[in-house]
Amino acid sequence: LDEAAPVLAGLNEPIVLAKVNADKFTRLASKHDIDGYPTLKFFMHGVPMEYNGPRKADLLVQYLKKFVAPDVSILSSDSAINDFVEAAGTFFPIYIGFGLNETVISNLAVKYKKKAWFSVAKDFSDDAMVLYDFDKVPSLVALHPSYKQQSVFYGPFEG
């Protein structure tokens, strides 16, 4: 936590990490059902949630960045796509809409923000089409890096 805290505090949308001595602040620990140590709790807009993510500093930072990211990232080049996929890490599935209007996936992005990364590639080369194995647009590429799986969906994209 000590390593991750300054990195998270320095983000454009800072994330605050706080440590509490539950032996000293027993009422607070009891209020949040803390009965084992160390326990990590995640508070989003003041609402506590169980934290089941990684605990190593660099992985913790990567995991928590998801919660302050935009619902849909707009990607304007092959390098932006690569940077997005690399920054997303391996904990969540990644959806990239190639040639899609962002409104097509924005409802899904809002609904599933805590469970996946969503983006729309506005400008990309034929190399990106080869790399992500699709041959026409619009298409939606779904990646799950930790399982090394990829799927392509060509529509329809209504509803």
N, C-alpha and C. Protein backbone atom coordinates (compact mmCIF):
# COMPACT_ATOMS: atom_id res chain seq x y z
N LEU A 1 0.83 -1.20 0.00
CA LEU A 1 0.00 0.00 0.00
C LEU A 1 0.86 1.25 0.00
N ASP A 2 1.97 1.21 0.74
CA ASP A 2 2.85 2.37 0.82
C ASP A 2 3.46 2.71 -0.54
N GLU A 3 3.74 1.70 -1.36
CA GLU A 3 4.28 1.93 -2.70
C GLU A 3 3.20 2.42 -3.66
N ALA A 4 2.01 1.88 -3.56
CA ALA A 4 0.94 2.21 -4.49
C ALA A 4 0.31 3.57 -4.20
N ALA A 5 0.26 3.99 -2.97
CA ALA A 5 -0.44 5.22 -2.57
C ALA A 5 0.02 6.46 -3.34
N PRO A 6 1.32 6.75 -3.41
CA PRO A 6 1.71 7.98 -4.13
C PRO A 6 1.42 7.91 -5.63
N VAL A 7 1.50 6.73 -6.22
CA VAL A 7 1.19 6.58 -7.64
C VAL A 7 -0.28 6.86 -7.88
N LEU A 8 -1.14 6.29 -7.06
CA LEU A 8 -2.58 6.48 -7.21
C LEU A 8 -2.99 7.92 -6.90
N ALA A 9 -2.34 8.54 -5.94
CA ALA A 9 -2.65 9.94 -5.60
C ALA A 9 -2.26 10.88 -6.72
N GLY A 10 -1.29 10.49 -7.55
CA GLY A 10 -0.82 11.34 -8.63
C GLY A 10 -1.58 11.20 -9.94
N LEU A 11 -2.59 10.34 -9.98
CA LEU A 11 -3.38 10.17 -11.20
C LEU A 11 -4.21 11.42 -11.49
N ASN A 12 -4.64 11.58 -12.75
CA ASN A 12 -5.54 12.69 -13.09
C ASN A 12 -6.80 12.65 -12.24
N GLU A 13 -7.30 11.47 -12.00
CA GLU A 13 -8.42 11.24 -11.08
C GLU A 13 -7.82 10.50 -9.90
N PRO A 14 -7.35 11.22 -8.88
CA PRO A 14 -6.63 10.56 -7.78
C PRO A 14 -7.46 9.52 -7.05
N ILE A 15 -6.77 8.49 -6.61
CA ILE A 15 -7.37 7.46 -5.77
C ILE A 15 -6.64 7.51 -4.43
N VAL A 16 -7.39 7.58 -3.37
CA VAL A 16 -6.80 7.70 -2.04
C VAL A 16 -6.75 6.34 -1.38
N LEU A 17 -5.58 5.98 -0.87
CA LEU A 17 -5.43 4.77 -0.06
C LEU A 17 -5.25 5.22 1.38
N ALA A 18 -5.92 4.54 2.28
CA ALA A 18 -5.79 4.86 3.70
C ALA A 18 -5.62 3.58 4.48
N LYS A 19 -4.75 3.63 5.48
CA LYS A 19 -4.56 2.47 6.36
C LYS A 19 -5.15 2.81 7.71
N VAL A 20 -5.83 1.83 8.30
CA VAL A 20 -6.45 2.01 9.61
C VAL A 20 -5.98 0.87 10.52
N ASN A 21 -5.57 1.22 11.71
CA ASN A 21 -5.20 0.23 12.71
C ASN A 21 -6.50 -0.28 13.34
N ALA A 22 -6.96 -1.44 12.89
CA ALA A 22 -8.24 -1.98 13.34
C ALA A 22 -8.20 -2.41 14.80
N ASP A 23 -7.01 -2.68 15.34
CA ASP A 23 -6.91 -2.99 16.78
C ASP A 23 -7.19 -1.75 17.61
N LYS A 24 -6.82 -0.60 17.10
CA LYS A 24 -7.03 0.66 17.82
C LYS A 24 -8.43 1.21 17.57
N PHE A 25 -8.90 1.12 16.33
CA PHE A 25 -10.20 1.66 15.95
C PHE A 25 -11.20 0.51 15.77
N THR A 26 -11.50 -0.14 16.86
CA THR A 26 -12.33 -1.35 16.83
C THR A 26 -13.75 -1.10 16.35
N ARG A 27 -14.30 0.05 16.70
CA ARG A 27 -15.67 0.34 16.28
C ARG A 27 -15.76 0.49 14.76
N LEU A 28 -14.77 1.14 14.17
CA LEU A 28 -14.73 1.29 12.72
C LEU A 28 -14.56 -0.08 12.06
N ALA A 29 -13.69 -0.91 12.61
CA ALA A 29 -13.47 -2.25 12.07
C ALA A 29 -14.76 -3.07 12.14
N SER A 30 -15.43 -2.97 13.25
CA SER A 30 -16.69 -3.70 13.43
C SER A 30 -17.75 -3.21 12.44
N LYS A 31 -17.82 -1.90 12.27
CA LYS A 31 -18.81 -1.32 11.35
C LYS A 31 -18.65 -1.88 9.93
N HIS A 32 -17.41 -2.17 9.53
CA HIS A 32 -17.15 -2.65 8.17
C HIS A 32 -16.83 -4.14 8.13
N ASP A 33 -17.21 -4.85 9.18
CA ASP A 33 -17.07 -6.32 9.24
C ASP A 33 -15.63 -6.78 9.01
N ILE A 34 -14.69 -6.08 9.59
CA ILE A 34 -13.28 -6.46 9.50
C ILE A 34 -12.99 -7.42 10.64
N ASP A 35 -12.61 -8.64 10.29
CA ASP A 35 -12.31 -9.61 11.34
C ASP A 35 -10.99 -10.32 11.11
N GLY A 36 -10.30 -9.99 10.03
CA GLY A 36 -8.99 -10.57 9.75
C GLY A 36 -8.08 -9.50 9.17
N TYR A 37 -6.81 -9.68 9.35
CA TYR A 37 -5.86 -8.66 8.90
C TYR A 37 -4.80 -9.28 8.01
N PRO A 38 -4.33 -8.64 6.99
CA PRO A 38 -4.85 -7.36 6.50
C PRO A 38 -6.11 -7.57 5.65
N THR A 39 -7.02 -6.64 5.76
CA THR A 39 -8.24 -6.64 4.96
C THR A 39 -8.26 -5.36 4.14
N LEU A 40 -8.55 -5.49 2.86
CA LEU A 40 -8.67 -4.31 2.01
C LEU A 40 -10.15 -4.10 1.70
N LYS A 41 -10.60 -2.88 1.85
CA LYS A 41 -11.96 -2.48 1.48
C LYS A 41 -11.85 -1.41 0.42
N PHE A 42 -12.77 -1.40 -0.47
CA PHE A 42 -12.81 -0.45 -1.57
C PHE A 42 -14.05 0.39 -1.37
N PHE A 43 -13.91 1.72 -1.37
CA PHE A 43 -15.05 2.62 -1.20
C PHE A 43 -15.21 3.44 -2.48
N MET A 44 -16.36 3.29 -3.09
CA MET A 44 -16.66 4.05 -4.30
C MET A 44 -17.83 4.98 -3.99
N HIS A 45 -17.55 6.26 -4.01
CA HIS A 45 -18.54 7.28 -3.64
C HIS A 45 -19.08 7.01 -2.24
N GLY A 46 -18.21 6.58 -1.35
CA GLY A 46 -18.59 6.35 0.04
C GLY A 46 -19.24 5.01 0.31
N VAL A 47 -19.46 4.21 -0.72
CA VAL A 47 -20.12 2.92 -0.54
C VAL A 47 -19.04 1.83 -0.47
N PRO A 48 -18.99 1.07 0.64
CA PRO A 48 -17.96 0.04 0.77
C PRO A 48 -18.25 -1.18 -0.10
N MET A 49 -17.16 -1.73 -0.65
CA MET A 49 -17.27 -2.95 -1.45
C MET A 49 -16.09 -3.84 -1.07
N GLU A 50 -16.28 -5.12 -1.23
CA GLU A 50 -15.18 -6.05 -0.99
C GLU A 50 -14.13 -5.84 -2.07
N TYR A 51 -12.88 -5.89 -1.69
CA TYR A 51 -11.79 -5.78 -2.66
C TYR A 51 -11.22 -7.17 -2.86
N ASN A 52 -11.28 -7.64 -4.11
CA ASN A 52 -10.78 -8.98 -4.43
C ASN A 52 -9.68 -8.94 -5.47
N GLY A 53 -9.09 -7.77 -5.65
CA GLY A 53 -8.05 -7.61 -6.66
C GLY A 53 -6.68 -7.98 -6.11
N PRO A 54 -5.66 -7.71 -6.92
CA PRO A 54 -4.29 -8.04 -6.53
C PRO A 54 -3.80 -7.15 -5.38
N ARG A 55 -2.76 -7.60 -4.70
CA ARG A 55 -2.22 -6.86 -3.57
C ARG A 55 -0.79 -6.36 -3.79
N LYS A 56 -0.15 -6.82 -4.83
CA LYS A 56 1.19 -6.33 -5.15
C LYS A 56 1.04 -4.91 -5.70
N ALA A 57 1.94 -3.99 -5.33
CA ALA A 57 1.80 -2.56 -5.60
C ALA A 57 1.49 -2.23 -7.07
N ASP A 58 2.30 -2.71 -8.00
CA ASP A 58 2.09 -2.35 -9.40
C ASP A 58 0.79 -2.91 -9.95
N LEU A 59 0.43 -4.10 -9.53
CA LEU A 59 -0.83 -4.71 -9.98
C LEU A 59 -2.04 -4.04 -9.32
N LEU A 60 -1.90 -3.64 -8.08
CA LEU A 60 -2.95 -2.91 -7.38
C LEU A 60 -3.24 -1.59 -8.09
N VAL A 61 -2.20 -0.87 -8.48
CA VAL A 61 -2.36 0.38 -9.21
C VAL A 61 -3.07 0.13 -10.53
N GLN A 62 -2.63 -0.85 -11.27
CA GLN A 62 -3.23 -1.16 -12.56
C GLN A 62 -4.71 -1.52 -12.41
N TYR A 63 -5.02 -2.30 -11.40
CA TYR A 63 -6.40 -2.74 -11.14
C TYR A 63 -7.29 -1.55 -10.78
N LEU A 64 -6.82 -0.69 -9.86
CA LEU A 64 -7.65 0.41 -9.38
C LEU A 64 -7.83 1.52 -10.41
N LYS A 65 -6.91 1.66 -11.36
CA LYS A 65 -7.07 2.66 -12.41
C LYS A 65 -8.37 2.47 -13.17
N LYS A 66 -8.84 1.24 -13.25
CA LYS A 66 -10.08 0.94 -13.99
C LYS A 66 -11.26 1.74 -13.45
N PHE A 67 -11.27 1.97 -12.16
CA PHE A 67 -12.43 2.58 -11.53
C PHE A 67 -12.51 4.09 -11.72
N VAL A 68 -11.44 4.72 -12.20
CA VAL A 68 -11.47 6.15 -12.47
C VAL A 68 -11.32 6.45 -13.96
N ALA A 69 -11.26 5.41 -14.77
CA ALA A 69 -11.12 5.58 -16.22
C ALA A 69 -12.44 6.04 -16.82
N PRO A 70 -12.39 6.67 -18.00
CA PRO A 70 -13.64 7.03 -18.67
C PRO A 70 -14.43 5.78 -19.04
N ASP A 71 -15.74 5.94 -19.18
CA ASP A 71 -16.58 4.80 -19.55
C ASP A 71 -16.13 4.21 -20.88
N VAL A 72 -15.91 5.09 -21.87
CA VAL A 72 -15.46 4.67 -23.19
C VAL A 72 -14.26 5.54 -23.56
N SER A 73 -13.15 4.91 -23.88
CA SER A 73 -11.97 5.64 -24.33
C SER A 73 -12.00 5.74 -25.85
N ILE A 74 -11.71 6.93 -26.36
CA ILE A 74 -11.65 7.14 -27.80
C ILE A 74 -10.19 7.04 -28.23
N LEU A 75 -9.92 6.15 -29.17
CA LEU A 75 -8.56 5.86 -29.61
C LEU A 75 -8.39 6.35 -31.04
N SER A 76 -7.35 7.15 -31.29
CA SER A 76 -7.23 7.79 -32.59
C SER A 76 -6.04 7.33 -33.42
N SER A 77 -5.39 6.25 -33.01
CA SER A 77 -4.27 5.74 -33.80
C SER A 77 -3.93 4.32 -33.35
N ASP A 78 -3.13 3.64 -34.14
CA ASP A 78 -2.68 2.30 -33.77
C ASP A 78 -1.92 2.33 -32.44
N SER A 79 -1.08 3.35 -32.26
CA SER A 79 -0.31 3.42 -31.01
C SER A 79 -1.22 3.67 -29.83
N ALA A 80 -2.29 4.46 -30.02
CA ALA A 80 -3.25 4.68 -28.93
C ALA A 80 -3.96 3.38 -28.57
N ILE A 81 -4.26 2.56 -29.57
CA ILE A 81 -4.89 1.26 -29.32
C ILE A 81 -3.94 0.38 -28.51
N ASN A 82 -2.70 0.30 -28.96
CA ASN A 82 -1.70 -0.51 -28.25
C ASN A 82 -1.50 -0.02 -26.82
N ASP A 83 -1.41 1.30 -26.64
CA ASP A 83 -1.24 1.87 -25.30
C ASP A 83 -2.43 1.54 -24.41
N PHE A 84 -3.64 1.62 -24.99
CA PHE A 84 -4.86 1.32 -24.23
C PHE A 84 -4.86 -0.14 -23.76
N VAL A 85 -4.55 -1.05 -24.67
CA VAL A 85 -4.54 -2.48 -24.33
C VAL A 85 -3.47 -2.76 -23.28
N GLU A 86 -2.30 -2.17 -23.43
CA GLU A 86 -1.23 -2.38 -22.46
C GLU A 86 -1.60 -1.82 -21.09
N ALA A 87 -2.16 -0.61 -21.07
CA ALA A 87 -2.53 0.01 -19.80
C ALA A 87 -3.68 -0.73 -19.12
N ALA A 88 -4.54 -1.35 -19.90
CA ALA A 88 -5.70 -2.05 -19.34
C ALA A 88 -5.28 -3.24 -18.49
N GLY A 89 -4.18 -3.85 -18.81
CA GLY A 89 -3.72 -4.99 -18.02
C GLY A 89 -4.48 -6.26 -18.35
N THR A 90 -4.46 -7.19 -17.42
CA THR A 90 -5.01 -8.52 -17.69
C THR A 90 -6.18 -8.91 -16.78
N PHE A 91 -6.64 -8.01 -15.93
CA PHE A 91 -7.69 -8.39 -14.98
C PHE A 91 -9.10 -8.32 -15.54
N PHE A 92 -9.30 -7.46 -16.54
CA PHE A 92 -10.64 -7.25 -17.08
C PHE A 92 -10.65 -7.50 -18.58
N PRO A 93 -11.77 -7.96 -19.11
CA PRO A 93 -11.89 -8.07 -20.57
C PRO A 93 -11.80 -6.67 -21.20
N ILE A 94 -11.38 -6.62 -22.45
CA ILE A 94 -11.21 -5.37 -23.18
C ILE A 94 -12.08 -5.44 -24.44
N TYR A 95 -12.88 -4.40 -24.66
CA TYR A 95 -13.72 -4.32 -25.85
C TYR A 95 -13.26 -3.11 -26.66
N ILE A 96 -12.95 -3.34 -27.93
CA ILE A 96 -12.55 -2.27 -28.83
C ILE A 96 -13.49 -2.26 -30.02
N GLY A 97 -14.21 -1.18 -30.19
CA GLY A 97 -15.10 -1.02 -31.34
C GLY A 97 -14.34 -0.36 -32.47
N PHE A 98 -14.14 -1.05 -33.55
CA PHE A 98 -13.45 -0.51 -34.71
C PHE A 98 -14.49 0.00 -35.70
N GLY A 99 -14.45 1.30 -35.97
CA GLY A 99 -15.41 1.89 -36.89
C GLY A 99 -16.80 2.02 -36.30
N LEU A 100 -16.91 1.90 -35.00
CA LEU A 100 -18.21 2.05 -34.32
C LEU A 100 -18.36 3.46 -33.76
N ASN A 101 -19.58 3.92 -33.71
CA ASN A 101 -19.87 5.16 -33.00
C ASN A 101 -19.86 4.83 -31.51
N GLU A 102 -19.29 5.70 -30.70
CA GLU A 102 -19.16 5.39 -29.27
C GLU A 102 -20.50 5.18 -28.58
N THR A 103 -21.58 5.77 -29.10
CA THR A 103 -22.89 5.59 -28.46
C THR A 103 -23.36 4.14 -28.54
N VAL A 104 -22.85 3.41 -29.53
CA VAL A 104 -23.24 2.00 -29.70
C VAL A 104 -22.85 1.19 -28.46
N ILE A 105 -21.68 1.46 -27.90
CA ILE A 105 -21.26 0.66 -26.74
C ILE A 105 -21.28 1.44 -25.43
N SER A 106 -21.68 2.71 -25.47
CA SER A 106 -21.65 3.50 -24.23
C SER A 106 -22.61 2.96 -23.17
N ASN A 107 -23.77 2.47 -23.57
CA ASN A 107 -24.69 1.90 -22.57
C ASN A 107 -24.10 0.68 -21.89
N LEU A 108 -23.44 -0.16 -22.68
CA LEU A 108 -22.75 -1.32 -22.09
C LEU A 108 -21.61 -0.86 -21.20
N ALA A 109 -20.90 0.16 -21.65
CA ALA A 109 -19.76 0.65 -20.88
C ALA A 109 -20.19 1.19 -19.53
N VAL A 110 -21.28 1.92 -19.50
CA VAL A 110 -21.79 2.44 -18.22
C VAL A 110 -22.24 1.29 -17.33
N LYS A 111 -22.94 0.35 -17.91
CA LYS A 111 -23.48 -0.77 -17.13
C LYS A 111 -22.39 -1.69 -16.59
N TYR A 112 -21.35 -1.93 -17.38
CA TYR A 112 -20.33 -2.90 -17.01
C TYR A 112 -18.96 -2.28 -16.74
N LYS A 113 -18.93 -1.00 -16.41
CA LYS A 113 -17.66 -0.29 -16.20
C LYS A 113 -16.76 -0.99 -15.19
N LYS A 114 -17.32 -1.55 -14.16
CA LYS A 114 -16.51 -2.18 -13.11
C LYS A 114 -16.02 -3.57 -13.53
N LYS A 115 -16.46 -4.05 -14.69
CA LYS A 115 -16.12 -5.41 -15.09
C LYS A 115 -15.34 -5.53 -16.39
N ALA A 116 -15.18 -4.41 -17.14
CA ALA A 116 -14.50 -4.49 -18.43
C ALA A 116 -14.03 -3.10 -18.87
N TRP A 117 -13.09 -3.09 -19.81
CA TRP A 117 -12.62 -1.86 -20.46
C TRP A 117 -13.34 -1.71 -21.79
N PHE A 118 -13.75 -0.48 -22.12
CA PHE A 118 -14.45 -0.22 -23.37
C PHE A 118 -13.77 0.92 -24.12
N SER A 119 -13.62 0.76 -25.42
CA SER A 119 -13.01 1.80 -26.24
C SER A 119 -13.58 1.76 -27.65
N VAL A 120 -13.37 2.86 -28.36
CA VAL A 120 -13.72 2.95 -29.77
C VAL A 120 -12.50 3.46 -30.51
N ALA A 121 -12.06 2.71 -31.50
CA ALA A 121 -10.94 3.12 -32.34
C ALA A 121 -11.49 3.91 -33.53
N LYS A 122 -11.18 5.19 -33.57
CA LYS A 122 -11.68 6.05 -34.64
C LYS A 122 -10.79 6.02 -35.87
N ASP A 123 -9.50 5.83 -35.66
CA ASP A 123 -8.57 5.80 -36.78
C ASP A 123 -7.57 4.68 -36.53
N PHE A 124 -7.40 3.82 -37.51
CA PHE A 124 -6.51 2.67 -37.36
C PHE A 124 -6.08 2.20 -38.74
N SER A 125 -5.01 1.46 -38.78
CA SER A 125 -4.45 1.00 -40.06
C SER A 125 -4.88 -0.43 -40.36
N ASP A 126 -4.50 -0.88 -41.54
CA ASP A 126 -4.71 -2.28 -41.91
C ASP A 126 -3.93 -3.21 -40.98
N ASP A 127 -2.80 -2.71 -40.46
CA ASP A 127 -2.01 -3.51 -39.52
C ASP A 127 -2.82 -3.84 -38.27
N ALA A 128 -3.63 -2.89 -37.81
CA ALA A 128 -4.48 -3.14 -36.64
C ALA A 128 -5.53 -4.20 -36.98
N MET A 129 -6.03 -4.16 -38.19
CA MET A 129 -7.02 -5.16 -38.60
C MET A 129 -6.40 -6.56 -38.59
N VAL A 130 -5.16 -6.65 -39.02
CA VAL A 130 -4.47 -7.94 -39.01
C VAL A 130 -4.18 -8.37 -37.57
N LEU A 131 -3.67 -7.43 -36.77
CA LEU A 131 -3.32 -7.74 -35.39
C LEU A 131 -4.52 -8.23 -34.59
N TYR A 132 -5.67 -7.59 -34.78
CA TYR A 132 -6.87 -7.96 -34.02
C TYR A 132 -7.80 -8.88 -34.80
N ASP A 133 -7.35 -9.34 -35.97
CA ASP A 133 -7.99 -10.41 -36.73
C ASP A 133 -9.44 -10.12 -37.12
N PHE A 134 -9.70 -8.92 -37.66
CA PHE A 134 -11.01 -8.64 -38.21
C PHE A 134 -10.82 -8.13 -39.63
N ASP A 135 -11.84 -8.34 -40.48
CA ASP A 135 -11.66 -7.99 -41.88
C ASP A 135 -12.67 -6.99 -42.42
N LYS A 136 -13.56 -6.51 -41.58
CA LYS A 136 -14.49 -5.47 -42.03
C LYS A 136 -14.91 -4.63 -40.84
N VAL A 137 -15.41 -3.46 -41.14
CA VAL A 137 -15.92 -2.57 -40.10
C VAL A 137 -17.37 -2.26 -40.42
N PRO A 138 -18.18 -2.00 -39.44
CA PRO A 138 -17.80 -1.96 -38.02
C PRO A 138 -17.63 -3.36 -37.45
N SER A 139 -16.78 -3.42 -36.45
CA SER A 139 -16.60 -4.67 -35.73
C SER A 139 -16.25 -4.35 -34.28
N LEU A 140 -16.55 -5.30 -33.44
CA LEU A 140 -16.26 -5.19 -32.01
C LEU A 140 -15.34 -6.35 -31.65
N VAL A 141 -14.14 -6.01 -31.18
CA VAL A 141 -13.17 -7.02 -30.80
C VAL A 141 -13.18 -7.12 -29.28
N ALA A 142 -13.34 -8.34 -28.79
CA ALA A 142 -13.32 -8.61 -27.35
C ALA A 142 -12.06 -9.40 -27.04
N LEU A 143 -11.27 -8.89 -26.10
CA LEU A 143 -10.03 -9.55 -25.70
C LEU A 143 -10.12 -9.89 -24.22
N HIS A 144 -9.57 -11.02 -23.86
CA HIS A 144 -9.38 -11.31 -22.44
C HIS A 144 -7.93 -11.74 -22.28
N PRO A 145 -7.07 -10.74 -21.98
CA PRO A 145 -5.63 -11.00 -21.97
C PRO A 145 -5.17 -12.11 -21.03
N SER A 146 -5.79 -12.23 -19.87
CA SER A 146 -5.31 -13.26 -18.93
C SER A 146 -5.57 -14.66 -19.46
N TYR A 147 -6.57 -14.82 -20.32
CA TYR A 147 -6.86 -16.13 -20.91
C TYR A 147 -6.35 -16.25 -22.34
N LYS A 148 -5.75 -15.16 -22.85
CA LYS A 148 -5.26 -15.11 -24.22
C LYS A 148 -6.35 -15.49 -25.22
N GLN A 149 -7.55 -14.93 -24.99
CA GLN A 149 -8.69 -15.20 -25.86
C GLN A 149 -9.10 -13.92 -26.59
N GLN A 150 -9.63 -14.09 -27.79
CA GLN A 150 -10.11 -12.97 -28.59
C GLN A 150 -11.30 -13.41 -29.41
N SER A 151 -12.30 -12.54 -29.50
CA SER A 151 -13.47 -12.79 -30.32
C SER A 151 -13.79 -11.54 -31.12
N VAL A 152 -14.41 -11.71 -32.29
CA VAL A 152 -14.81 -10.59 -33.11
C VAL A 152 -16.31 -10.69 -33.38
N PHE A 153 -17.00 -9.56 -33.22
CA PHE A 153 -18.44 -9.50 -33.47
C PHE A 153 -18.67 -8.45 -34.55
N TYR A 154 -19.42 -8.83 -35.60
CA TYR A 154 -19.63 -7.93 -36.73
C TYR A 154 -21.02 -7.29 -36.72
N GLY A 155 -21.81 -7.53 -35.74
CA GLY A 155 -23.11 -6.88 -35.67
C GLY A 155 -24.22 -7.90 -35.85
N PRO A 156 -25.43 -7.48 -35.81
CA PRO A 156 -25.89 -6.09 -35.85
C PRO A 156 -25.63 -5.40 -34.50
N PHE A 157 -25.54 -4.06 -34.55
CA PHE A 157 -25.21 -3.28 -33.37
C PHE A 157 -26.38 -2.46 -32.85
N GLU A 158 -27.58 -2.76 -33.26
CA GLU A 158 -28.75 -2.05 -32.76
C GLU A 158 -29.14 -2.60 -31.40
N GLY A 159 -29.64 -1.73 -30.55
CA GLY A 159 -30.15 -2.17 -29.24
C GLY A 159 -29.08 -2.75 -28.38
